[in-house]
Amino acid sequence: MSIQEQYEKERRNLEINRSLDWSTIRKRFIVANEELAPMTVQVWFDLLLLKSPVVSNQEITVESVVDYVWRNSLRYTEKKILKEWRLFWLQRRILKALSKKESSEQLVKVVCEHIKESFDEFPESIDGSMAAGFNTMPTVSGEAAMLDEIASRYGINPLEVLKIPLRRAFALQRTMRTSQNPDYRLLEPASLREIKSQYLNNLNNGNQ
């Protein structure tokens, strides 16, 4: 497949996913027989606070994979006895999957696809205006700003925003920023930029 074909394929996938964000139809992600729900804003905030290796591109551990899968599981619960029981068996299934090369690679692949799916709509601006200045501390946290931005726009309780699938929250942010500020320019999704970067590298190396 040529780089141009890769680009077109990825763009079509992103367009389909954007439609799925507002549909009752959704992709299924199954890890060690555990079906994952779309990552919510709350789960993302929790994983950030815990510095989860799974979302920070660090070397993953069995514990971090179990934690990631559990927090995103459709069967997630806070009921103590039920939670301990399900976590016990989930850990056993993940350990079993990781013990074999083929099932281990498949498990990691699905987890990575789930993460990518969650962050496809991240509103990254071209001018980087959202980044904090060097050696300064923002007046408010990024989490609070995100909740306030969406809650204020749609007149809902900020705590309700925590329950929104992360992709939808990012999509709403992108829509708000571009509609409110005509000069606000968003970068293409990271996956498309990566393909373009590969194309430029090939040109620089004399490959077509």
Protein backbone atom coordinates (compact mmCIF):
# COMPACT_ATOMS: atom_id res chain seq x y z
CA MET A 1 0.00 0.00 0.00
CA SER A 2 1.39 3.39 -1.01
CA ILE A 3 1.69 6.25 1.49
CA GLN A 4 -1.09 8.10 -0.35
CA GLU A 5 -3.34 5.06 0.03
CA GLN A 6 -2.42 4.80 3.71
CA TYR A 7 -3.36 8.46 4.15
CA GLU A 8 -6.71 8.07 2.41
CA LYS A 9 -7.50 4.92 4.38
CA GLU A 10 -6.69 6.58 7.70
CA ARG A 11 -8.72 9.65 6.79
CA ARG A 12 -11.74 7.50 5.94
CA ASN A 13 -11.37 5.68 9.26
CA LEU A 14 -11.28 8.98 11.14
CA GLU A 15 -14.35 10.24 9.29
CA ILE A 16 -16.25 7.04 10.09
CA ASN A 17 -15.23 7.28 13.74
CA ARG A 18 -16.47 10.86 13.91
CA SER A 19 -19.87 9.66 12.72
CA LEU A 20 -19.83 6.79 15.23
CA ASP A 21 -19.26 9.30 18.06
CA TRP A 22 -22.86 10.45 17.69
CA SER A 23 -24.40 7.13 16.77
CA THR A 24 -25.74 4.25 18.84
CA ILE A 25 -23.32 2.07 16.86
CA ARG A 26 -19.79 1.78 18.20
CA LYS A 27 -16.65 -0.25 17.73
CA ARG A 28 -16.05 -3.18 20.05
CA PHE A 29 -12.78 -3.59 21.89
CA ILE A 30 -12.29 -6.88 23.72
CA VAL A 31 -9.22 -7.56 25.87
CA ALA A 32 -8.85 -10.90 27.66
CA ASN A 33 -12.59 -11.52 27.20
CA GLU A 34 -13.34 -8.13 28.78
CA GLU A 35 -15.25 -5.65 26.62
CA LEU A 36 -14.09 -2.06 26.92
CA ALA A 37 -16.39 0.94 27.00
CA PRO A 38 -15.34 4.22 25.36
CA MET A 39 -12.88 5.97 27.65
CA THR A 40 -14.61 8.73 29.61
CA VAL A 41 -13.23 12.08 30.70
CA GLN A 42 -13.20 10.79 34.29
CA VAL A 43 -11.14 7.70 33.43
CA TRP A 44 -8.64 9.84 31.51
CA PHE A 45 -8.22 12.21 34.46
CA ASP A 46 -7.74 9.25 36.81
CA LEU A 47 -5.11 7.65 34.57
CA LEU A 48 -3.27 10.97 34.28
CA LEU A 49 -3.20 11.37 38.06
CA LEU A 50 -1.92 7.83 38.50
CA LYS A 51 0.71 8.42 35.79
CA SER A 52 -0.42 5.23 34.07
CA PRO A 53 2.34 3.85 31.80
CA VAL A 54 -0.35 2.72 29.39
CA VAL A 55 -1.34 6.29 28.45
CA SER A 56 2.08 7.92 28.91
CA ASN A 57 4.02 5.74 26.44
CA GLN A 58 6.20 4.24 29.15
CA GLU A 59 7.08 0.59 29.62
CA ILE A 60 3.85 -1.10 30.64
CA THR A 61 3.45 -3.53 33.51
CA VAL A 62 0.88 -6.25 34.09
CA GLU A 63 -0.63 -4.12 36.88
CA SER A 64 -0.97 -1.08 34.62
CA VAL A 65 -2.67 -3.13 31.88
CA VAL A 66 -5.08 -4.69 34.39
CA ASP A 67 -5.86 -1.24 35.81
CA TYR A 68 -6.42 0.24 32.34
CA VAL A 69 -8.69 -2.58 31.22
CA TRP A 70 -10.64 -2.56 34.47
CA ARG A 71 -11.25 1.21 34.50
CA ASN A 72 -12.57 1.04 30.94
CA SER A 73 -14.49 -2.22 31.35
CA LEU A 74 -18.22 -2.34 30.71
CA ARG A 75 -18.41 -4.43 33.88
CA TYR A 76 -16.60 -1.88 36.07
CA THR A 77 -18.12 -1.58 39.53
CA GLU A 78 -17.28 -0.02 42.89
CA LYS A 79 -19.07 -2.76 44.85
CA LYS A 80 -16.23 -4.17 46.95
CA ILE A 81 -16.82 -7.93 46.82
CA LEU A 82 -17.89 -7.95 43.17
CA LYS A 83 -14.99 -5.67 42.23
CA GLU A 84 -12.41 -7.91 43.92
CA TRP A 85 -13.87 -11.02 42.29
CA ARG A 86 -13.89 -9.55 38.79
CA LEU A 87 -10.41 -8.05 39.19
CA PHE A 88 -9.04 -11.40 40.36
CA TRP A 89 -10.26 -13.22 37.27
CA LEU A 90 -9.37 -10.34 34.95
CA GLN A 91 -5.78 -10.40 36.18
CA ARG A 92 -5.57 -14.17 35.64
CA ARG A 93 -6.88 -13.84 32.07
CA ILE A 94 -4.47 -11.01 31.26
CA LEU A 95 -1.52 -12.92 32.72
CA LYS A 96 -2.47 -15.92 30.62
CA ALA A 97 -2.74 -13.79 27.47
CA LEU A 98 0.61 -12.12 28.12
CA SER A 99 2.33 -15.47 28.62
CA LYS A 100 2.11 -16.32 24.91
CA LYS A 101 3.54 -14.21 22.10
CA GLU A 102 0.53 -14.28 19.77
CA SER A 103 -2.10 -13.51 22.41
CA SER A 104 0.22 -10.96 24.05
CA GLU A 105 0.66 -9.06 20.80
CA GLN A 106 -3.09 -9.13 20.17
CA LEU A 107 -3.83 -7.83 23.67
CA VAL A 108 -1.38 -4.94 23.34
CA LYS A 109 -2.70 -4.16 19.85
CA VAL A 110 -6.30 -3.84 21.05
CA VAL A 111 -5.30 -1.69 24.04
CA CYS A 112 -3.30 0.60 21.74
CA GLU A 113 -6.22 0.84 19.31
CA HIS A 114 -8.55 1.73 22.19
CA ILE A 115 -6.18 4.50 23.32
CA LYS A 116 -5.79 5.84 19.78
CA GLU A 117 -9.55 5.81 19.31
CA SER A 118 -9.95 7.87 22.49
CA PHE A 119 -7.48 10.57 21.49
CA ASP A 120 -8.15 10.95 17.76
CA GLU A 121 -10.18 14.11 18.35
CA PHE A 122 -7.75 15.81 20.74
CA PRO A 123 -7.97 19.56 19.93
CA GLU A 124 -4.34 20.43 19.23
CA SER A 125 -3.89 23.95 17.88
CA ILE A 126 -1.29 24.94 15.30
CA ASP A 127 0.06 27.87 17.29
CA GLY A 128 0.27 25.87 20.51
CA SER A 129 -1.61 28.61 22.33
CA MET A 130 -2.97 26.15 24.89
CA ALA A 131 0.50 25.26 26.16
CA ALA A 132 1.66 26.73 29.45
CA GLY A 133 4.57 29.15 29.38
CA PHE A 134 8.01 28.08 30.54
CA ASN A 135 8.54 28.15 34.29
CA THR A 136 4.97 29.27 35.00
CA MET A 137 2.05 27.63 36.71
CA PRO A 138 -1.39 27.93 35.09
CA THR A 139 -4.04 29.76 37.09
CA VAL A 140 -6.34 26.74 36.83
CA SER A 141 -5.73 23.10 36.02
CA GLY A 142 -6.26 21.82 32.51
CA GLU A 143 -8.90 19.45 33.87
CA ALA A 144 -10.92 22.28 35.43
CA ALA A 145 -10.61 24.38 32.27
CA MET A 146 -11.88 21.52 30.11
CA LEU A 147 -14.87 20.86 32.36
CA ASP A 148 -15.73 24.56 32.57
CA GLU A 149 -15.40 25.04 28.80
CA ILE A 150 -17.90 22.31 27.96
CA ALA A 151 -20.21 22.86 30.94
CA SER A 152 -20.49 26.61 30.32
CA ARG A 153 -21.21 26.15 26.64
CA TYR A 154 -23.98 23.60 27.10
CA GLY A 155 -25.31 24.62 30.51
CA ILE A 156 -24.67 21.34 32.31
CA ASN A 157 -23.10 20.40 35.62
CA PRO A 158 -19.30 20.04 35.28
CA LEU A 159 -19.56 16.68 37.06
CA GLU A 160 -21.75 15.44 34.22
CA VAL A 161 -18.96 16.24 31.76
CA LEU A 162 -16.82 13.64 33.54
CA LYS A 163 -19.19 10.94 32.28
CA ILE A 164 -18.87 11.93 28.61
CA PRO A 165 -16.79 9.68 26.35
CA LEU A 166 -13.44 11.36 25.85
CA ARG A 167 -13.71 11.45 22.06
CA ARG A 168 -17.03 13.29 22.28
CA ALA A 169 -15.61 15.80 24.77
CA PHE A 170 -12.66 16.50 22.47
CA ALA A 171 -14.98 16.79 19.46
CA LEU A 172 -17.10 19.35 21.32
CA GLN A 173 -13.99 21.33 22.25
CA ARG A 174 -12.84 21.38 18.63
CA THR A 175 -16.28 22.56 17.52
CA MET A 176 -16.49 25.29 20.15
CA ARG A 177 -13.04 26.69 19.49
CA THR A 178 -13.36 26.83 15.72
CA SER A 179 -16.87 28.33 15.86
CA GLN A 180 -16.01 30.97 18.45
CA ASN A 181 -12.67 31.99 16.99
CA PRO A 182 -12.32 32.04 13.18
CA ASP A 183 -8.55 32.43 13.59
CA TYR A 184 -8.22 29.31 15.72
CA ARG A 185 -6.50 26.69 13.60
CA LEU A 186 -6.39 23.01 14.52
CA LEU A 187 -3.73 20.54 13.53
CA GLU A 188 -4.69 17.47 11.58
CA PRO A 189 -5.09 14.32 13.68
CA ALA A 190 -1.73 12.91 14.82
CA SER A 191 -2.16 9.72 12.77
CA LEU A 192 -2.45 11.72 9.53
CA ARG A 193 0.51 13.92 10.44
CA GLU A 194 2.55 10.77 11.06
CA ILE A 195 1.79 9.45 7.57
CA LYS A 196 2.72 12.81 6.03
CA SER A 197 5.94 12.83 8.02
CA GLN A 198 6.75 9.37 6.68
CA TYR A 199 6.15 10.63 3.13
CA LEU A 200 8.48 13.61 3.64
CA ASN A 201 11.17 11.37 5.13
CA ASN A 202 10.96 9.11 2.10
CA LEU A 203 11.36 12.11 -0.22
CA ASN A 204 14.36 13.35 1.74
CA ASN A 205 15.92 9.91 1.46
CA GLY A 206 15.36 9.81 -2.28
CA ASN A 207 12.46 7.33 -2.11
CA GLN A 208 9.14 7.82 -3.82
